[in-house]
ModelCIF file with pLDDT and N, C-alpha, C, O atoms, coordinates in Angstrom:
data_MODEL
#
_entry.id   MODEL 
#
_entity.id                         1 
_entity.type                       polymer 
_entity.pdbx_number_of_molecules   1 
#
_entity_poly.entity_id                      1 
_entity_poly.type                           'polypeptide(L)' 
_entity_poly.nstd_linkage                   no 
_entity_poly.nstd_monomer                   no 
_entity_poly.pdbx_seq_one_letter_code       FTIELRASSGGISNNIIFRLSINGTPLATKQIEYQTFVTAANIEVDLV 
_entity_poly.pdbx_seq_one_letter_code_can   FTIELRASSGGISNNIIFRLSINGTPLATKQIEYQTFVTAANIEVDLV 
_entity_poly.pdbx_strand_id                 A 
#
loop_
_entity_poly_seq.entity_id 
_entity_poly_seq.num 
_entity_poly_seq.mon_id 
_entity_poly_seq.hetero 
1 1  PHE n 
1 2  THR n 
1 3  ILE n 
1 4  GLU n 
1 5  LEU n 
1 6  ARG n 
1 7  ALA n 
1 8  SER n 
1 9  SER n 
1 10 GLY n 
1 11 GLY n 
1 12 ILE n 
1 13 SER n 
1 14 ASN n 
1 15 ASN n 
1 16 ILE n 
1 17 ILE n 
1 18 PHE n 
1 19 ARG n 
1 20 LEU n 
1 21 SER n 
1 22 ILE n 
1 23 ASN n 
1 24 GLY n 
1 25 THR n 
1 26 PRO n 
1 27 LEU n 
1 28 ALA n 
1 29 THR n 
1 30 LYS n 
1 31 GLN n 
1 32 ILE n 
1 33 GLU n 
1 34 TYR n 
1 35 GLN n 
1 36 THR n 
1 37 PHE n 
1 38 VAL n 
1 39 THR n 
1 40 ALA n 
1 41 ALA n 
1 42 ASN n 
1 43 ILE n 
1 44 GLU n 
1 45 VAL n 
1 46 ASP n 
1 47 LEU n 
1 48 VAL n 
#
_struct_asym.id          A 
_struct_asym.entity_id   1 
#
loop_
_ma_qa_metric.id 
_ma_qa_metric.mode 
_ma_qa_metric.name 
_ma_qa_metric.software_group_id 
_ma_qa_metric.type 
1 global pLDDT . pLDDT 
2 local  pLDDT . pLDDT 
#
_ma_qa_metric_global.metric_id      1 
_ma_qa_metric_global.metric_value   84.94 
_ma_qa_metric_global.model_id       1 
_ma_qa_metric_global.ordinal_id     1 
#
loop_
_ma_qa_metric_local.label_asym_id 
_ma_qa_metric_local.label_comp_id 
_ma_qa_metric_local.label_seq_id 
_ma_qa_metric_local.metric_id 
_ma_qa_metric_local.metric_value 
_ma_qa_metric_local.model_id 
_ma_qa_metric_local.ordinal_id 
A PHE 1  2 97.00 1 1  
A THR 2  2 96.00 1 2  
A ILE 3  2 94.00 1 3  
A GLU 4  2 92.00 1 4  
A LEU 5  2 89.00 1 5  
A ARG 6  2 87.00 1 6  
A ALA 7  2 84.00 1 7  
A SER 8  2 79.00 1 8  
A SER 9  2 67.00 1 9  
A GLY 10 2 66.00 1 10 
A GLY 11 2 67.00 1 11 
A ILE 12 2 75.00 1 12 
A SER 13 2 80.00 1 13 
A ASN 14 2 83.00 1 14 
A ASN 15 2 86.00 1 15 
A ILE 16 2 89.00 1 16 
A ILE 17 2 91.00 1 17 
A PHE 18 2 94.00 1 18 
A ARG 19 2 95.00 1 19 
A LEU 20 2 96.00 1 20 
A SER 21 2 96.00 1 21 
A ILE 22 2 97.00 1 22 
A ASN 23 2 97.00 1 23 
A GLY 24 2 95.00 1 24 
A THR 25 2 95.00 1 25 
A PRO 26 2 92.00 1 26 
A LEU 27 2 94.00 1 27 
A ALA 28 2 92.00 1 28 
A THR 29 2 93.00 1 29 
A LYS 30 2 94.00 1 30 
A GLN 31 2 88.00 1 31 
A ILE 32 2 88.00 1 32 
A GLU 33 2 85.00 1 33 
A TYR 34 2 83.00 1 34 
A GLN 35 2 81.00 1 35 
A THR 36 2 80.00 1 36 
A PHE 37 2 73.00 1 37 
A VAL 38 2 72.00 1 38 
A THR 39 2 65.00 1 39 
A ALA 40 2 65.00 1 40 
A ALA 41 2 68.00 1 41 
A ASN 42 2 70.00 1 42 
A ILE 43 2 76.00 1 43 
A GLU 44 2 78.00 1 44 
A VAL 45 2 83.00 1 45 
A ASP 46 2 87.00 1 46 
A LEU 47 2 91.00 1 47 
A VAL 48 2 92.00 1 48 
#
loop_
_atom_site.group_PDB 
_atom_site.id 
_atom_site.type_symbol 
_atom_site.label_atom_id 
_atom_site.label_alt_id 
_atom_site.label_comp_id 
_atom_site.label_asym_id 
_atom_site.label_entity_id 
_atom_site.label_seq_id 
_atom_site.pdbx_PDB_ins_code 
_atom_site.Cartn_x 
_atom_site.Cartn_y 
_atom_site.Cartn_z 
_atom_site.occupancy 
_atom_site.B_iso_or_equiv 
_atom_site.pdbx_formal_charge 
_atom_site.auth_seq_id 
_atom_site.auth_comp_id 
_atom_site.auth_asym_id 
_atom_site.auth_atom_id 
_atom_site.pdbx_PDB_model_num 
ATOM 1   N N  . PHE A 1 1  ? 0.760   -1.381 -0.082 1.00 97.00 ? 1  PHE A N  1 
ATOM 2   C CA . PHE A 1 1  ? -0.018  0.073  0.165  1.00 97.00 ? 1  PHE A CA 1 
ATOM 3   C C  . PHE A 1 1  ? 0.700   1.343  -0.135 1.00 97.00 ? 1  PHE A C  1 
ATOM 4   O O  . PHE A 1 1  ? 1.472   1.567  0.797  1.00 97.00 ? 1  PHE A O  1 
ATOM 5   N N  . THR A 1 2  ? 0.770   2.316  -1.100 1.00 96.00 ? 2  THR A N  1 
ATOM 6   C CA . THR A 1 2  ? 1.454   3.657  -1.077 1.00 96.00 ? 2  THR A CA 1 
ATOM 7   C C  . THR A 1 2  ? 0.280   4.420  -1.402 1.00 96.00 ? 2  THR A C  1 
ATOM 8   O O  . THR A 1 2  ? -0.682  4.118  -2.109 1.00 96.00 ? 2  THR A O  1 
ATOM 9   N N  . ILE A 1 3  ? 0.601   5.715  -0.600 1.00 94.00 ? 3  ILE A N  1 
ATOM 10  C CA . ILE A 1 3  ? -0.249  6.920  -0.495 1.00 94.00 ? 3  ILE A CA 1 
ATOM 11  C C  . ILE A 1 3  ? 0.537   8.231  -0.575 1.00 94.00 ? 3  ILE A C  1 
ATOM 12  O O  . ILE A 1 3  ? 1.585   8.212  0.070  1.00 94.00 ? 3  ILE A O  1 
ATOM 13  N N  . GLU A 1 4  ? 0.254   9.387  -1.240 1.00 92.00 ? 4  GLU A N  1 
ATOM 14  C CA . GLU A 1 4  ? 0.707   10.518 -1.182 1.00 92.00 ? 4  GLU A CA 1 
ATOM 15  C C  . GLU A 1 4  ? 0.061   11.302 -0.163 1.00 92.00 ? 4  GLU A C  1 
ATOM 16  O O  . GLU A 1 4  ? -1.108  11.520 -0.480 1.00 92.00 ? 4  GLU A O  1 
ATOM 17  N N  . LEU A 1 5  ? 0.344   11.742 0.801  1.00 89.00 ? 5  LEU A N  1 
ATOM 18  C CA . LEU A 1 5  ? -0.615  12.567 2.007  1.00 89.00 ? 5  LEU A CA 1 
ATOM 19  C C  . LEU A 1 5  ? -0.092  14.169 1.929  1.00 89.00 ? 5  LEU A C  1 
ATOM 20  O O  . LEU A 1 5  ? 1.075   14.537 1.803  1.00 89.00 ? 5  LEU A O  1 
ATOM 21  N N  . ARG A 1 6  ? -1.221  14.963 2.034  1.00 87.00 ? 6  ARG A N  1 
ATOM 22  C CA . ARG A 1 6  ? -0.839  16.510 1.760  1.00 87.00 ? 6  ARG A CA 1 
ATOM 23  C C  . ARG A 1 6  ? -1.600  17.047 3.224  1.00 87.00 ? 6  ARG A C  1 
ATOM 24  O O  . ARG A 1 6  ? -2.799  16.949 3.484  1.00 87.00 ? 6  ARG A O  1 
ATOM 25  N N  . ALA A 1 7  ? -0.520  17.645 4.093  1.00 84.00 ? 7  ALA A N  1 
ATOM 26  C CA . ALA A 1 7  ? -1.191  18.184 5.050  1.00 84.00 ? 7  ALA A CA 1 
ATOM 27  C C  . ALA A 1 7  ? -1.149  19.766 5.155  1.00 84.00 ? 7  ALA A C  1 
ATOM 28  O O  . ALA A 1 7  ? -0.094  20.359 4.928  1.00 84.00 ? 7  ALA A O  1 
ATOM 29  N N  . SER A 1 8  ? -2.147  20.351 5.455  1.00 79.00 ? 8  SER A N  1 
ATOM 30  C CA . SER A 1 8  ? -2.120  21.771 4.912  1.00 79.00 ? 8  SER A CA 1 
ATOM 31  C C  . SER A 1 8  ? -2.194  22.699 6.188  1.00 79.00 ? 8  SER A C  1 
ATOM 32  O O  . SER A 1 8  ? -1.762  23.843 6.047  1.00 79.00 ? 8  SER A O  1 
ATOM 33  N N  . SER A 1 9  ? -2.821  22.238 7.725  1.00 67.00 ? 9  SER A N  1 
ATOM 34  C CA . SER A 1 9  ? -3.179  23.079 8.314  1.00 67.00 ? 9  SER A CA 1 
ATOM 35  C C  . SER A 1 9  ? -2.006  23.775 9.247  1.00 67.00 ? 9  SER A C  1 
ATOM 36  O O  . SER A 1 9  ? -1.193  23.228 9.992  1.00 67.00 ? 9  SER A O  1 
ATOM 37  N N  . GLY A 1 10 ? -2.191  25.094 8.961  1.00 66.00 ? 10 GLY A N  1 
ATOM 38  C CA . GLY A 1 10 ? -1.028  25.685 9.948  1.00 66.00 ? 10 GLY A CA 1 
ATOM 39  C C  . GLY A 1 10 ? -1.145  25.582 11.702 1.00 66.00 ? 10 GLY A C  1 
ATOM 40  O O  . GLY A 1 10 ? -2.218  25.570 12.304 1.00 66.00 ? 10 GLY A O  1 
ATOM 41  N N  . GLY A 1 11 ? 0.081   25.519 12.284 1.00 67.00 ? 11 GLY A N  1 
ATOM 42  C CA . GLY A 1 11 ? -0.214  25.599 13.622 1.00 67.00 ? 11 GLY A CA 1 
ATOM 43  C C  . GLY A 1 11 ? -0.592  24.179 14.381 1.00 67.00 ? 11 GLY A C  1 
ATOM 44  O O  . GLY A 1 11 ? -0.231  24.069 15.553 1.00 67.00 ? 11 GLY A O  1 
ATOM 45  N N  . ILE A 1 12 ? -1.236  23.193 13.816 1.00 75.00 ? 12 ILE A N  1 
ATOM 46  C CA . ILE A 1 12 ? -1.227  22.229 14.577 1.00 75.00 ? 12 ILE A CA 1 
ATOM 47  C C  . ILE A 1 12 ? -1.005  21.050 13.970 1.00 75.00 ? 12 ILE A C  1 
ATOM 48  O O  . ILE A 1 12 ? -0.671  20.922 12.792 1.00 75.00 ? 12 ILE A O  1 
ATOM 49  N N  . SER A 1 13 ? -1.261  19.810 15.088 1.00 80.00 ? 13 SER A N  1 
ATOM 50  C CA . SER A 1 13 ? -0.679  18.451 14.641 1.00 80.00 ? 13 SER A CA 1 
ATOM 51  C C  . SER A 1 13 ? -1.766  17.925 13.657 1.00 80.00 ? 13 SER A C  1 
ATOM 52  O O  . SER A 1 13 ? -2.982  17.947 13.851 1.00 80.00 ? 13 SER A O  1 
ATOM 53  N N  . ASN A 1 14 ? -1.116  17.456 12.582 1.00 83.00 ? 14 ASN A N  1 
ATOM 54  C CA . ASN A 1 14 ? -1.751  16.520 11.675 1.00 83.00 ? 14 ASN A CA 1 
ATOM 55  C C  . ASN A 1 14 ? -1.559  15.015 11.840 1.00 83.00 ? 14 ASN A C  1 
ATOM 56  O O  . ASN A 1 14 ? -0.380  14.660 11.868 1.00 83.00 ? 14 ASN A O  1 
ATOM 57  N N  . ASN A 1 15 ? -2.485  14.060 11.956 1.00 86.00 ? 15 ASN A N  1 
ATOM 58  C CA . ASN A 1 15 ? -2.032  12.672 12.192 1.00 86.00 ? 15 ASN A CA 1 
ATOM 59  C C  . ASN A 1 15 ? -3.136  11.881 11.301 1.00 86.00 ? 15 ASN A C  1 
ATOM 60  O O  . ASN A 1 15 ? -4.260  12.352 11.128 1.00 86.00 ? 15 ASN A O  1 
ATOM 61  N N  . ILE A 1 16 ? -2.790  10.844 10.841 1.00 89.00 ? 16 ILE A N  1 
ATOM 62  C CA . ILE A 1 16 ? -3.501  9.961  10.229 1.00 89.00 ? 16 ILE A CA 1 
ATOM 63  C C  . ILE A 1 16 ? -2.999  8.547  10.444 1.00 89.00 ? 16 ILE A C  1 
ATOM 64  O O  . ILE A 1 16 ? -1.816  8.363  10.731 1.00 89.00 ? 16 ILE A O  1 
ATOM 65  N N  . ILE A 1 17 ? -4.044  7.315  10.286 1.00 91.00 ? 17 ILE A N  1 
ATOM 66  C CA . ILE A 1 17 ? -3.603  6.223  10.717 1.00 91.00 ? 17 ILE A CA 1 
ATOM 67  C C  . ILE A 1 17 ? -4.477  5.346  9.526  1.00 91.00 ? 17 ILE A C  1 
ATOM 68  O O  . ILE A 1 17 ? -5.689  5.406  9.318  1.00 91.00 ? 17 ILE A O  1 
ATOM 69  N N  . PHE A 1 18 ? -3.450  4.510  8.812  1.00 94.00 ? 18 PHE A N  1 
ATOM 70  C CA . PHE A 1 18 ? -3.991  3.263  8.147  1.00 94.00 ? 18 PHE A CA 1 
ATOM 71  C C  . PHE A 1 18 ? -3.852  2.138  8.150  1.00 94.00 ? 18 PHE A C  1 
ATOM 72  O O  . PHE A 1 18 ? -2.677  1.771  8.165  1.00 94.00 ? 18 PHE A O  1 
ATOM 73  N N  . ARG A 1 19 ? -4.795  1.185  8.140  1.00 95.00 ? 19 ARG A N  1 
ATOM 74  C CA . ARG A 1 19 ? -4.680  -0.157 8.422  1.00 95.00 ? 19 ARG A CA 1 
ATOM 75  C C  . ARG A 1 19 ? -5.114  -0.952 7.603  1.00 95.00 ? 19 ARG A C  1 
ATOM 76  O O  . ARG A 1 19 ? -6.257  -0.770 7.185  1.00 95.00 ? 19 ARG A O  1 
ATOM 77  N N  . LEU A 1 20 ? -4.278  -2.159 7.089  1.00 96.00 ? 20 LEU A N  1 
ATOM 78  C CA . LEU A 1 20 ? -4.673  -3.056 6.414  1.00 96.00 ? 20 LEU A CA 1 
ATOM 79  C C  . LEU A 1 20 ? -5.953  -3.729 7.071  1.00 96.00 ? 20 LEU A C  1 
ATOM 80  O O  . LEU A 1 20 ? -6.172  -3.958 8.261  1.00 96.00 ? 20 LEU A O  1 
ATOM 81  N N  . SER A 1 21 ? -6.729  -3.978 5.960  1.00 96.00 ? 21 SER A N  1 
ATOM 82  C CA . SER A 1 21 ? -8.066  -4.911 6.378  1.00 96.00 ? 21 SER A CA 1 
ATOM 83  C C  . SER A 1 21 ? -8.576  -5.793 5.527  1.00 96.00 ? 21 SER A C  1 
ATOM 84  O O  . SER A 1 21 ? -8.890  -5.687 4.342  1.00 96.00 ? 21 SER A O  1 
ATOM 85  N N  . ILE A 1 22 ? -8.634  -7.006 6.557  1.00 97.00 ? 22 ILE A N  1 
ATOM 86  C CA . ILE A 1 22 ? -8.997  -8.223 5.635  1.00 97.00 ? 22 ILE A CA 1 
ATOM 87  C C  . ILE A 1 22 ? -10.354 -8.710 6.069  1.00 97.00 ? 22 ILE A C  1 
ATOM 88  O O  . ILE A 1 22 ? -10.522 -8.930 7.269  1.00 97.00 ? 22 ILE A O  1 
ATOM 89  N N  . ASN A 1 23 ? -11.296 -8.893 5.255  1.00 97.00 ? 23 ASN A N  1 
ATOM 90  C CA . ASN A 1 23 ? -12.805 -9.049 5.324  1.00 97.00 ? 23 ASN A CA 1 
ATOM 91  C C  . ASN A 1 23 ? -13.380 -8.186 6.503  1.00 97.00 ? 23 ASN A C  1 
ATOM 92  O O  . ASN A 1 23 ? -14.005 -8.649 7.457  1.00 97.00 ? 23 ASN A O  1 
ATOM 93  N N  . GLY A 1 24 ? -13.149 -7.172 6.345  1.00 95.00 ? 24 GLY A N  1 
ATOM 94  C CA . GLY A 1 24 ? -13.851 -6.004 7.236  1.00 95.00 ? 24 GLY A CA 1 
ATOM 95  C C  . GLY A 1 24 ? -12.828 -5.592 8.776  1.00 95.00 ? 24 GLY A C  1 
ATOM 96  O O  . GLY A 1 24 ? -13.041 -4.718 9.616  1.00 95.00 ? 24 GLY A O  1 
ATOM 97  N N  . THR A 1 25 ? -11.971 -6.363 8.714  1.00 95.00 ? 25 THR A N  1 
ATOM 98  C CA . THR A 1 25 ? -11.217 -6.373 10.094 1.00 95.00 ? 25 THR A CA 1 
ATOM 99  C C  . THR A 1 25 ? -9.818  -5.602 10.072 1.00 95.00 ? 25 THR A C  1 
ATOM 100 O O  . THR A 1 25 ? -8.887  -6.161 9.494  1.00 95.00 ? 25 THR A O  1 
ATOM 101 N N  . PRO A 1 26 ? -9.644  -4.564 10.565 1.00 92.00 ? 26 PRO A N  1 
ATOM 102 C CA . PRO A 1 26 ? -8.400  -3.860 10.358 1.00 92.00 ? 26 PRO A CA 1 
ATOM 103 C C  . PRO A 1 26 ? -7.327  -4.387 11.330 1.00 92.00 ? 26 PRO A C  1 
ATOM 104 O O  . PRO A 1 26 ? -7.332  -4.536 12.552 1.00 92.00 ? 26 PRO A O  1 
ATOM 105 N N  . LEU A 1 27 ? -6.536  -4.585 10.513 1.00 94.00 ? 27 LEU A N  1 
ATOM 106 C CA . LEU A 1 27 ? -5.303  -5.347 11.587 1.00 94.00 ? 27 LEU A CA 1 
ATOM 107 C C  . LEU A 1 27 ? -4.280  -4.485 12.167 1.00 94.00 ? 27 LEU A C  1 
ATOM 108 O O  . LEU A 1 27 ? -3.577  -3.711 11.518 1.00 94.00 ? 27 LEU A O  1 
ATOM 109 N N  . ALA A 1 28 ? -4.246  -4.634 13.218 1.00 92.00 ? 28 ALA A N  1 
ATOM 110 C CA . ALA A 1 28 ? -3.535  -3.681 14.091 1.00 92.00 ? 28 ALA A CA 1 
ATOM 111 C C  . ALA A 1 28 ? -1.885  -3.417 14.089 1.00 92.00 ? 28 ALA A C  1 
ATOM 112 O O  . ALA A 1 28 ? -1.271  -2.375 14.317 1.00 92.00 ? 28 ALA A O  1 
ATOM 113 N N  . THR A 1 29 ? -1.454  -4.590 13.787 1.00 93.00 ? 29 THR A N  1 
ATOM 114 C CA . THR A 1 29 ? 0.007   -4.794 13.289 1.00 93.00 ? 29 THR A CA 1 
ATOM 115 C C  . THR A 1 29 ? 0.510   -4.537 11.883 1.00 93.00 ? 29 THR A C  1 
ATOM 116 O O  . THR A 1 29 ? 1.662   -4.536 11.449 1.00 93.00 ? 29 THR A O  1 
ATOM 117 N N  . LYS A 1 30 ? -0.721  -4.305 11.248 1.00 94.00 ? 30 LYS A N  1 
ATOM 118 C CA . LYS A 1 30 ? -0.423  -3.927 9.728  1.00 94.00 ? 30 LYS A CA 1 
ATOM 119 C C  . LYS A 1 30 ? -0.725  -2.515 9.404  1.00 94.00 ? 30 LYS A C  1 
ATOM 120 O O  . LYS A 1 30 ? -1.536  -2.239 8.520  1.00 94.00 ? 30 LYS A O  1 
ATOM 121 N N  . GLN A 1 31 ? -0.023  -1.496 10.174 1.00 88.00 ? 31 GLN A N  1 
ATOM 122 C CA . GLN A 1 31 ? -0.534  -0.085 9.927  1.00 88.00 ? 31 GLN A CA 1 
ATOM 123 C C  . GLN A 1 31 ? 0.572   0.656  9.447  1.00 88.00 ? 31 GLN A C  1 
ATOM 124 O O  . GLN A 1 31 ? 1.757   0.325  9.489  1.00 88.00 ? 31 GLN A O  1 
ATOM 125 N N  . ILE A 1 32 ? -0.007  1.862  8.910  1.00 88.00 ? 32 ILE A N  1 
ATOM 126 C CA . ILE A 1 32 ? 0.910   3.191  8.722  1.00 88.00 ? 32 ILE A CA 1 
ATOM 127 C C  . ILE A 1 32 ? 0.369   4.343  9.525  1.00 88.00 ? 32 ILE A C  1 
ATOM 128 O O  . ILE A 1 32 ? -0.769  4.807  9.451  1.00 88.00 ? 32 ILE A O  1 
ATOM 129 N N  . GLU A 1 33 ? 1.287   4.707  10.249 1.00 85.00 ? 33 GLU A N  1 
ATOM 130 C CA . GLU A 1 33 ? 1.041   6.024  11.121 1.00 85.00 ? 33 GLU A CA 1 
ATOM 131 C C  . GLU A 1 33 ? 1.795   7.127  10.481 1.00 85.00 ? 33 GLU A C  1 
ATOM 132 O O  . GLU A 1 33 ? 3.008   6.993  10.321 1.00 85.00 ? 33 GLU A O  1 
ATOM 133 N N  . TYR A 1 34 ? 0.976   8.575  9.968  1.00 83.00 ? 34 TYR A N  1 
ATOM 134 C CA . TYR A 1 34 ? 1.770   9.605  9.804  1.00 83.00 ? 34 TYR A CA 1 
ATOM 135 C C  . TYR A 1 34 ? 1.252   10.831 10.680 1.00 83.00 ? 34 TYR A C  1 
ATOM 136 O O  . TYR A 1 34 ? 0.093   11.138 10.960 1.00 83.00 ? 34 TYR A O  1 
ATOM 137 N N  . GLN A 1 35 ? 2.214   11.319 10.960 1.00 81.00 ? 35 GLN A N  1 
ATOM 138 C CA . GLN A 1 35 ? 2.225   12.577 11.955 1.00 81.00 ? 35 GLN A CA 1 
ATOM 139 C C  . GLN A 1 35 ? 3.241   13.694 11.579 1.00 81.00 ? 35 GLN A C  1 
ATOM 140 O O  . GLN A 1 35 ? 4.443   13.491 11.412 1.00 81.00 ? 35 GLN A O  1 
ATOM 141 N N  . THR A 1 36 ? 2.618   14.891 11.466 1.00 80.00 ? 36 THR A N  1 
ATOM 142 C CA . THR A 1 36 ? 3.160   16.095 10.671 1.00 80.00 ? 36 THR A CA 1 
ATOM 143 C C  . THR A 1 36 ? 2.839   17.422 11.741 1.00 80.00 ? 36 THR A C  1 
ATOM 144 O O  . THR A 1 36 ? 1.789   17.422 12.383 1.00 80.00 ? 36 THR A O  1 
ATOM 145 N N  . PHE A 1 37 ? 3.620   18.305 11.845 1.00 73.00 ? 37 PHE A N  1 
ATOM 146 C CA . PHE A 1 37 ? 3.235   19.436 12.417 1.00 73.00 ? 37 PHE A CA 1 
ATOM 147 C C  . PHE A 1 37 ? 3.217   20.652 11.432 1.00 73.00 ? 37 PHE A C  1 
ATOM 148 O O  . PHE A 1 37 ? 4.236   21.301 11.669 1.00 73.00 ? 37 PHE A O  1 
ATOM 149 N N  . VAL A 1 38 ? 2.505   21.232 10.441 1.00 72.00 ? 38 VAL A N  1 
ATOM 150 C CA . VAL A 1 38 ? 2.836   22.037 9.504  1.00 72.00 ? 38 VAL A CA 1 
ATOM 151 C C  . VAL A 1 38 ? 2.766   23.769 10.165 1.00 72.00 ? 38 VAL A C  1 
ATOM 152 O O  . VAL A 1 38 ? 1.888   24.208 10.909 1.00 72.00 ? 38 VAL A O  1 
ATOM 153 N N  . THR A 1 39 ? 3.789   24.409 9.706  1.00 65.00 ? 39 THR A N  1 
ATOM 154 C CA . THR A 1 39 ? 3.612   25.943 10.318 1.00 65.00 ? 39 THR A CA 1 
ATOM 155 C C  . THR A 1 39 ? 2.865   26.723 9.407  1.00 65.00 ? 39 THR A C  1 
ATOM 156 O O  . THR A 1 39 ? 2.686   26.333 8.253  1.00 65.00 ? 39 THR A O  1 
ATOM 157 N N  . ALA A 1 40 ? 2.440   27.732 9.804  1.00 65.00 ? 40 ALA A N  1 
ATOM 158 C CA . ALA A 1 40 ? 1.689   28.850 9.121  1.00 65.00 ? 40 ALA A CA 1 
ATOM 159 C C  . ALA A 1 40 ? 0.997   28.306 8.077  1.00 65.00 ? 40 ALA A C  1 
ATOM 160 O O  . ALA A 1 40 ? 0.172   27.427 8.327  1.00 65.00 ? 40 ALA A O  1 
ATOM 161 N N  . ALA A 1 41 ? 1.218   28.738 6.722  1.00 68.00 ? 41 ALA A N  1 
ATOM 162 C CA . ALA A 1 41 ? 0.587   28.497 5.536  1.00 68.00 ? 41 ALA A CA 1 
ATOM 163 C C  . ALA A 1 41 ? 0.738   27.661 4.509  1.00 68.00 ? 41 ALA A C  1 
ATOM 164 O O  . ALA A 1 41 ? 0.130   27.628 3.439  1.00 68.00 ? 41 ALA A O  1 
ATOM 165 N N  . ASN A 1 42 ? 2.031   26.649 5.124  1.00 70.00 ? 42 ASN A N  1 
ATOM 166 C CA . ASN A 1 42 ? 2.898   25.953 4.515  1.00 70.00 ? 42 ASN A CA 1 
ATOM 167 C C  . ASN A 1 42 ? 2.071   24.501 4.236  1.00 70.00 ? 42 ASN A C  1 
ATOM 168 O O  . ASN A 1 42 ? 1.288   24.062 5.079  1.00 70.00 ? 42 ASN A O  1 
ATOM 169 N N  . ILE A 1 43 ? 2.312   23.862 3.060  1.00 76.00 ? 43 ILE A N  1 
ATOM 170 C CA . ILE A 1 43 ? 1.861   22.502 2.709  1.00 76.00 ? 43 ILE A CA 1 
ATOM 171 C C  . ILE A 1 43 ? 2.698   21.588 2.618  1.00 76.00 ? 43 ILE A C  1 
ATOM 172 O O  . ILE A 1 43 ? 3.412   21.605 1.615  1.00 76.00 ? 43 ILE A O  1 
ATOM 173 N N  . GLU A 1 44 ? 2.890   20.490 3.627  1.00 78.00 ? 44 GLU A N  1 
ATOM 174 C CA . GLU A 1 44 ? 3.421   19.241 3.499  1.00 78.00 ? 44 GLU A CA 1 
ATOM 175 C C  . GLU A 1 44 ? 3.274   18.348 2.538  1.00 78.00 ? 44 GLU A C  1 
ATOM 176 O O  . GLU A 1 44 ? 2.075   18.340 2.260  1.00 78.00 ? 44 GLU A O  1 
ATOM 177 N N  . VAL A 1 45 ? 3.900   17.520 1.817  1.00 83.00 ? 45 VAL A N  1 
ATOM 178 C CA . VAL A 1 45 ? 3.359   16.533 1.005  1.00 83.00 ? 45 VAL A CA 1 
ATOM 179 C C  . VAL A 1 45 ? 4.576   15.478 1.318  1.00 83.00 ? 45 VAL A C  1 
ATOM 180 O O  . VAL A 1 45 ? 5.770   15.778 1.334  1.00 83.00 ? 45 VAL A O  1 
ATOM 181 N N  . ASP A 1 46 ? 3.925   13.957 1.605  1.00 87.00 ? 46 ASP A N  1 
ATOM 182 C CA . ASP A 1 46 ? 4.811   13.203 1.989  1.00 87.00 ? 46 ASP A CA 1 
ATOM 183 C C  . ASP A 1 46 ? 4.523   11.686 1.291  1.00 87.00 ? 46 ASP A C  1 
ATOM 184 O O  . ASP A 1 46 ? 3.310   11.485 1.340  1.00 87.00 ? 46 ASP A O  1 
ATOM 185 N N  . LEU A 1 47 ? 5.023   10.890 0.846  1.00 91.00 ? 47 LEU A N  1 
ATOM 186 C CA . LEU A 1 47 ? 4.670   9.807  0.230  1.00 91.00 ? 47 LEU A CA 1 
ATOM 187 C C  . LEU A 1 47 ? 4.776   8.363  1.459  1.00 91.00 ? 47 LEU A C  1 
ATOM 188 O O  . LEU A 1 47 ? 5.885   8.342  1.994  1.00 91.00 ? 47 LEU A O  1 
ATOM 189 N N  . VAL A 1 48 ? 4.105   7.562  1.800  1.00 92.00 ? 48 VAL A N  1 
ATOM 190 C CA . VAL A 1 48 ? 4.212   6.811  2.743  1.00 92.00 ? 48 VAL A CA 1 
ATOM 191 C C  . VAL A 1 48 ? 3.844   5.273  1.957  1.00 92.00 ? 48 VAL A C  1 
ATOM 192 O O  . VAL A 1 48 ? 3.851   4.229  2.609  1.00 92.00 ? 48 VAL A O  1 
#
């Protein structure tokens, strides 16, 4: 699983968690957690 994320809120923490899901059950050990702090009016782009 690959995804490009864009965080754009200035002055607050941005956080997202993705989990691989099998038959509707998210697997806690198969996750991507992305966290960033964006300052002012910047936009941060990352590939995870």
